[in-house]
């Protein structure tokens, strides 16, 4: 099933319960797979929130059966080192330190850490040292906020 189709099943349930669908990942591991759903809310996420969403989603996924074979459903908060999925999320975390992993090397490297400066079109702007670099979002495999503790 395409991620777009999976999102169309998951998002209305999450929003209907009063949460934001932060993102999700479907990982296949042999015959078993894992569906991780990340939810968020302005007041934060508690264990009870995850359980509530998990119960609702389990019912919908059982009926719709979008994933072949056995899978485990996990619902959690995005956490402090939250993964960024959309351009809007990159924009919201402007000014934060981020770690990026690219699908193709850029200047011989695939991993970068720097200050998220925002977005320009469909590119993510990251400052590393004195230079700003633009990374096309479709070439970013993974981006996470680096928590800074004070």
Protein backbone atom coordinates (compact mmCIF):
# COMPACT_ATOMS: atom_id res chain seq x y z
CA UNK A 1 0.00 0.00 0.00
CA UNK A 2 1.27 3.44 -0.83
CA UNK A 3 2.11 5.83 1.99
CA UNK A 4 -0.46 8.26 0.56
CA UNK A 5 -3.21 5.64 0.88
CA UNK A 6 -2.08 4.66 4.37
CA UNK A 7 -2.08 8.31 5.42
CA UNK A 8 -5.64 8.70 4.06
CA UNK A 9 -6.74 5.91 6.44
CA UNK A 10 -4.75 7.01 9.49
CA UNK A 11 -5.04 10.82 9.48
CA UNK A 12 -8.84 11.18 9.81
CA UNK A 13 -8.83 8.85 12.83
CA UNK A 14 -6.01 10.75 14.55
CA UNK A 15 -7.58 14.17 13.82
CA UNK A 16 -11.02 12.92 14.88
CA UNK A 17 -9.58 12.08 18.29
CA UNK A 18 -8.16 15.62 18.62
CA UNK A 19 -4.52 14.98 17.74
CA UNK A 20 -2.17 15.87 14.91
CA UNK A 21 -0.65 13.14 12.77
CA UNK A 22 3.02 14.10 12.98
CA UNK A 23 4.17 11.29 10.71
CA UNK A 24 4.38 7.55 10.31
CA UNK A 25 6.76 4.85 9.15
CA UNK A 26 6.04 1.40 7.77
CA UNK A 27 9.05 -0.89 8.04
CA UNK A 28 9.15 -4.47 6.78
CA UNK A 29 11.32 -6.93 8.67
CA UNK A 30 11.12 -10.33 6.97
CA UNK A 31 7.55 -11.60 7.25
CA UNK A 32 6.77 -9.19 10.08
CA UNK A 33 6.36 -5.45 9.67
CA UNK A 34 6.06 -2.47 11.97
CA UNK A 35 3.73 0.51 11.57
CA UNK A 36 4.88 3.42 13.75
CA UNK A 37 2.46 6.33 14.11
CA UNK A 38 3.62 9.60 15.66
CA UNK A 39 0.97 11.89 17.12
CA UNK A 40 1.23 15.34 18.63
CA UNK A 41 -0.92 17.89 20.44
CA UNK A 42 -0.32 21.41 21.77
CA UNK A 43 -0.43 20.12 25.36
CA UNK A 44 1.90 17.23 24.54
CA UNK A 45 1.25 13.50 24.43
CA UNK A 46 0.74 11.11 27.34
CA UNK A 47 0.71 7.31 27.34
CA UNK A 48 -3.11 7.35 27.58
CA UNK A 49 -3.27 9.42 24.38
CA UNK A 50 -1.19 6.82 22.54
CA UNK A 51 -3.36 3.98 23.86
CA UNK A 52 -6.54 5.78 22.80
CA UNK A 53 -5.26 6.34 19.25
CA UNK A 54 -3.89 2.80 19.07
CA UNK A 55 -7.29 1.28 20.00
CA UNK A 56 -9.12 3.36 17.36
CA UNK A 57 -6.54 2.73 14.65
CA UNK A 58 -6.44 -1.00 15.37
CA UNK A 59 -10.15 -1.23 14.61
CA UNK A 60 -9.88 0.75 11.37
CA UNK A 61 -6.79 -1.12 10.20
CA UNK A 62 -8.43 -4.47 11.05
CA UNK A 63 -11.44 -3.63 8.87
CA UNK A 64 -9.54 -1.98 5.99
CA UNK A 65 -6.60 -4.42 6.10
CA UNK A 66 -4.13 -2.15 4.25
CA UNK A 67 -0.99 -4.07 5.24
CA UNK A 68 -0.36 -7.64 4.10
CA UNK A 69 0.68 -10.18 6.68
CA UNK A 70 1.40 -9.68 10.33
CA UNK A 71 2.42 -6.30 11.64
CA UNK A 72 2.86 -4.50 14.93
CA UNK A 73 1.21 -1.12 15.48
CA UNK A 74 3.09 1.41 17.63
CA UNK A 75 1.72 4.84 18.54
CA UNK A 76 3.96 7.40 20.25
CA UNK A 77 4.83 11.07 20.50
CA UNK A 78 7.46 12.44 18.10
CA UNK A 79 9.77 13.01 21.09
CA UNK A 80 12.38 15.71 21.57
CA UNK A 81 14.50 14.39 18.70
CA UNK A 82 11.45 14.38 16.45
CA UNK A 83 11.76 13.40 12.85
CA UNK A 84 10.71 16.04 10.33
CA UNK A 85 8.47 14.85 7.50
CA UNK A 86 6.95 17.90 5.80
CA UNK A 87 8.08 21.34 4.65
CA UNK A 88 5.69 22.87 7.20
CA UNK A 89 7.46 20.95 9.98
CA UNK A 90 10.85 22.18 8.76
CA UNK A 91 9.52 25.74 8.80
CA UNK A 92 8.07 25.29 12.31
CA UNK A 93 11.47 24.18 13.64
CA UNK A 94 13.41 27.00 12.02
CA UNK A 95 16.25 27.99 14.36
CA UNK A 96 16.73 24.44 15.68
CA UNK A 97 19.76 22.25 15.23
CA UNK A 98 19.04 19.33 12.86
CA UNK A 99 20.72 16.16 11.60
CA UNK A 100 20.09 15.21 7.98
CA UNK A 101 20.73 11.97 6.10
CA UNK A 102 20.58 12.22 2.32
CA UNK A 103 19.66 9.62 -0.27
CA UNK A 104 22.60 10.70 -2.47
CA UNK A 105 25.94 12.18 -1.41
CA UNK A 106 26.33 15.96 -1.56
CA UNK A 107 29.96 17.10 -1.74
CA UNK A 108 30.96 13.51 -0.94
CA UNK A 109 28.85 13.31 2.24
CA UNK A 110 25.42 11.94 3.13
CA UNK A 111 25.13 13.15 6.75
CA UNK A 112 25.00 16.75 7.87
CA UNK A 113 24.33 18.61 11.12
CA UNK A 114 23.56 22.30 11.25
CA UNK A 115 21.12 25.09 12.06
CA UNK A 116 17.78 24.87 10.27
CA UNK A 117 17.27 28.27 8.64
CA UNK A 118 13.93 27.52 6.95
CA UNK A 119 12.72 26.55 3.52
CA UNK A 120 12.98 28.03 0.04
CA UNK A 121 10.51 26.49 -2.38
CA UNK A 122 10.92 22.75 -1.91
CA UNK A 123 14.42 23.01 -0.46
CA UNK A 124 15.54 22.97 3.15
CA UNK A 125 18.10 25.61 4.14
CA UNK A 126 20.72 24.52 6.70
CA UNK A 127 23.62 26.62 8.01
CA UNK A 128 26.81 24.73 8.74
CA UNK A 129 29.50 27.03 10.00
CA UNK A 130 29.35 30.23 7.93
CA UNK A 131 27.69 28.66 4.89
CA UNK A 132 24.04 28.02 4.13
CA UNK A 133 23.28 24.96 2.01
CA UNK A 134 20.00 24.14 0.26
CA UNK A 135 18.92 20.49 0.26
CA UNK A 136 16.00 19.40 -1.96
CA UNK A 137 13.43 17.76 0.35
CA UNK A 138 13.09 14.73 -1.95
CA UNK A 139 16.79 13.95 -1.36
CA UNK A 140 16.45 13.99 2.44
CA UNK A 141 15.99 10.42 3.67
CA UNK A 142 15.73 11.44 7.30
CA UNK A 143 15.89 14.65 9.30
CA UNK A 144 15.72 14.90 13.07
CA UNK A 145 15.73 17.81 15.47
CA UNK A 146 18.74 17.65 17.80
CA UNK A 147 17.49 18.39 21.32
CA UNK A 148 19.43 21.04 23.17
CA UNK A 149 19.36 20.79 26.94
CA UNK A 150 19.92 23.88 29.03
